[in-house]
Amino acid sequence: MSEVRTQKVRTSLAQQMAQPGGRTLADVERRANERLGRHKAEVMAEIEAAV
């Protein structure tokens, strides 16, 4: 029987994620909520029309 060899693939995304820095979780959440808030009225109108 042959020996099993495993090799870890190093992607550029994995390398970027390993680097220190970037945005804080609170900042990411705030920015996401701002972007979602832009669509809220439109989505709620579509939901009301469907119900």
N, C-alpha and C. Protein backbone atom coordinates (compact mmCIF):
# COMPACT_ATOMS: atom_id res chain seq x y z
N MET A 1 0.83 -1.17 0.00
CA MET A 1 0.00 0.00 0.00
C MET A 1 0.89 1.25 0.00
N SER A 2 0.48 2.26 -0.76
CA SER A 2 1.29 3.47 -0.84
C SER A 2 1.02 4.38 0.36
N GLU A 3 1.97 5.21 0.63
CA GLU A 3 1.88 6.14 1.75
C GLU A 3 1.06 7.36 1.34
N VAL A 4 0.19 7.80 2.23
CA VAL A 4 -0.65 8.97 1.95
C VAL A 4 0.13 10.23 2.31
N ARG A 5 0.14 11.17 1.38
CA ARG A 5 0.79 12.46 1.63
C ARG A 5 -0.26 13.55 1.54
N THR A 6 -0.28 14.44 2.49
CA THR A 6 -1.20 15.57 2.44
C THR A 6 -0.40 16.84 2.25
N GLN A 7 -1.00 17.77 1.56
CA GLN A 7 -0.34 19.03 1.28
C GLN A 7 -1.34 20.15 1.51
N LYS A 8 -0.97 21.13 2.30
CA LYS A 8 -1.84 22.25 2.59
C LYS A 8 -1.71 23.29 1.47
N VAL A 9 -2.85 23.69 0.93
CA VAL A 9 -2.87 24.68 -0.14
C VAL A 9 -2.87 26.07 0.49
N ARG A 10 -1.94 26.90 0.08
CA ARG A 10 -1.86 28.27 0.60
C ARG A 10 -2.46 29.22 -0.43
N THR A 11 -3.65 29.69 -0.17
CA THR A 11 -4.29 30.63 -1.09
C THR A 11 -3.93 32.05 -0.69
N SER A 12 -4.13 32.97 -1.61
CA SER A 12 -3.84 34.37 -1.29
C SER A 12 -4.80 34.89 -0.23
N LEU A 13 -6.05 34.39 -0.22
CA LEU A 13 -7.01 34.81 0.80
C LEU A 13 -6.55 34.36 2.18
N ALA A 14 -6.06 33.14 2.28
CA ALA A 14 -5.57 32.64 3.57
C ALA A 14 -4.39 33.47 4.05
N GLN A 15 -3.53 33.86 3.15
CA GLN A 15 -2.38 34.68 3.52
C GLN A 15 -2.84 36.06 3.98
N GLN A 16 -3.83 36.64 3.30
CA GLN A 16 -4.33 37.96 3.69
C GLN A 16 -5.01 37.89 5.05
N MET A 17 -5.76 36.82 5.30
CA MET A 17 -6.45 36.69 6.58
C MET A 17 -5.47 36.51 7.74
N ALA A 18 -4.31 35.96 7.46
CA ALA A 18 -3.31 35.75 8.50
C ALA A 18 -2.59 37.04 8.87
N GLN A 19 -2.68 38.06 8.02
CA GLN A 19 -2.00 39.32 8.27
C GLN A 19 -2.74 40.12 9.35
N PRO A 20 -2.01 40.80 10.23
CA PRO A 20 -2.67 41.64 11.24
C PRO A 20 -3.24 42.90 10.59
N GLY A 21 -4.17 43.51 11.28
CA GLY A 21 -4.74 44.76 10.80
C GLY A 21 -6.13 44.57 10.24
N GLY A 22 -6.60 45.59 9.56
CA GLY A 22 -7.94 45.52 8.98
C GLY A 22 -8.95 46.23 9.86
N ARG A 23 -10.21 45.96 9.60
CA ARG A 23 -11.30 46.60 10.33
C ARG A 23 -11.65 45.80 11.59
N THR A 24 -12.17 46.52 12.57
CA THR A 24 -12.65 45.85 13.77
C THR A 24 -14.01 45.25 13.48
N LEU A 25 -14.41 44.29 14.28
CA LEU A 25 -15.70 43.65 14.10
C LEU A 25 -16.83 44.66 14.25
N ALA A 26 -16.71 45.58 15.20
CA ALA A 26 -17.73 46.61 15.40
C ALA A 26 -17.87 47.49 14.16
N ASP A 27 -16.75 47.84 13.55
CA ASP A 27 -16.77 48.67 12.35
C ASP A 27 -17.41 47.92 11.18
N VAL A 28 -17.08 46.66 11.03
CA VAL A 28 -17.66 45.85 9.96
C VAL A 28 -19.17 45.74 10.14
N GLU A 29 -19.60 45.51 11.38
CA GLU A 29 -21.04 45.39 11.65
C GLU A 29 -21.76 46.71 11.37
N ARG A 30 -21.17 47.82 11.79
CA ARG A 30 -21.78 49.13 11.56
C ARG A 30 -21.92 49.41 10.07
N ARG A 31 -20.87 49.12 9.30
CA ARG A 31 -20.92 49.36 7.86
C ARG A 31 -21.94 48.46 7.17
N ALA A 32 -22.03 47.21 7.61
CA ALA A 32 -23.01 46.29 7.03
C ALA A 32 -24.42 46.76 7.32
N ASN A 33 -24.67 47.19 8.54
CA ASN A 33 -26.01 47.68 8.90
C ASN A 33 -26.37 48.94 8.12
N GLU A 34 -25.41 49.81 7.87
CA GLU A 34 -25.67 51.00 7.06
C GLU A 34 -26.08 50.60 5.65
N ARG A 35 -25.37 49.66 5.07
CA ARG A 35 -25.68 49.23 3.71
C ARG A 35 -27.02 48.51 3.64
N LEU A 36 -27.32 47.69 4.64
CA LEU A 36 -28.61 47.00 4.67
C LEU A 36 -29.75 47.99 4.88
N GLY A 37 -29.50 49.02 5.67
CA GLY A 37 -30.52 50.03 5.94
C GLY A 37 -30.97 50.75 4.68
N ARG A 38 -30.10 50.86 3.71
CA ARG A 38 -30.45 51.52 2.45
C ARG A 38 -31.54 50.77 1.70
N HIS A 39 -31.63 49.48 1.91
CA HIS A 39 -32.59 48.64 1.18
C HIS A 39 -33.84 48.32 1.99
N LYS A 40 -33.86 48.72 3.25
CA LYS A 40 -34.93 48.29 4.15
C LYS A 40 -36.31 48.74 3.67
N ALA A 41 -36.48 50.01 3.31
CA ALA A 41 -37.79 50.51 2.91
C ALA A 41 -38.30 49.78 1.66
N GLU A 42 -37.43 49.59 0.71
CA GLU A 42 -37.81 48.90 -0.53
C GLU A 42 -38.22 47.45 -0.25
N VAL A 43 -37.45 46.77 0.57
CA VAL A 43 -37.74 45.37 0.88
C VAL A 43 -39.03 45.26 1.68
N MET A 44 -39.22 46.14 2.65
CA MET A 44 -40.45 46.09 3.45
C MET A 44 -41.67 46.34 2.57
N ALA A 45 -41.57 47.24 1.60
CA ALA A 45 -42.69 47.49 0.68
C ALA A 45 -43.00 46.24 -0.15
N GLU A 46 -41.97 45.55 -0.59
CA GLU A 46 -42.17 44.31 -1.35
C GLU A 46 -42.81 43.23 -0.49
N ILE A 47 -42.40 43.15 0.76
CA ILE A 47 -42.98 42.15 1.67
C ILE A 47 -44.45 42.47 1.92
N GLU A 48 -44.76 43.74 2.18
CA GLU A 48 -46.15 44.13 2.41
C GLU A 48 -47.01 43.86 1.19
N ALA A 49 -46.47 44.08 0.00
CA ALA A 49 -47.22 43.82 -1.23
C ALA A 49 -47.47 42.33 -1.41
N ALA A 50 -46.53 41.51 -0.97
CA ALA A 50 -46.67 40.06 -1.13
C ALA A 50 -47.63 39.46 -0.11
N VAL A 51 -47.77 40.12 1.03
CA VAL A 51 -48.63 39.58 2.10
C VAL A 51 -49.98 40.10 2.00
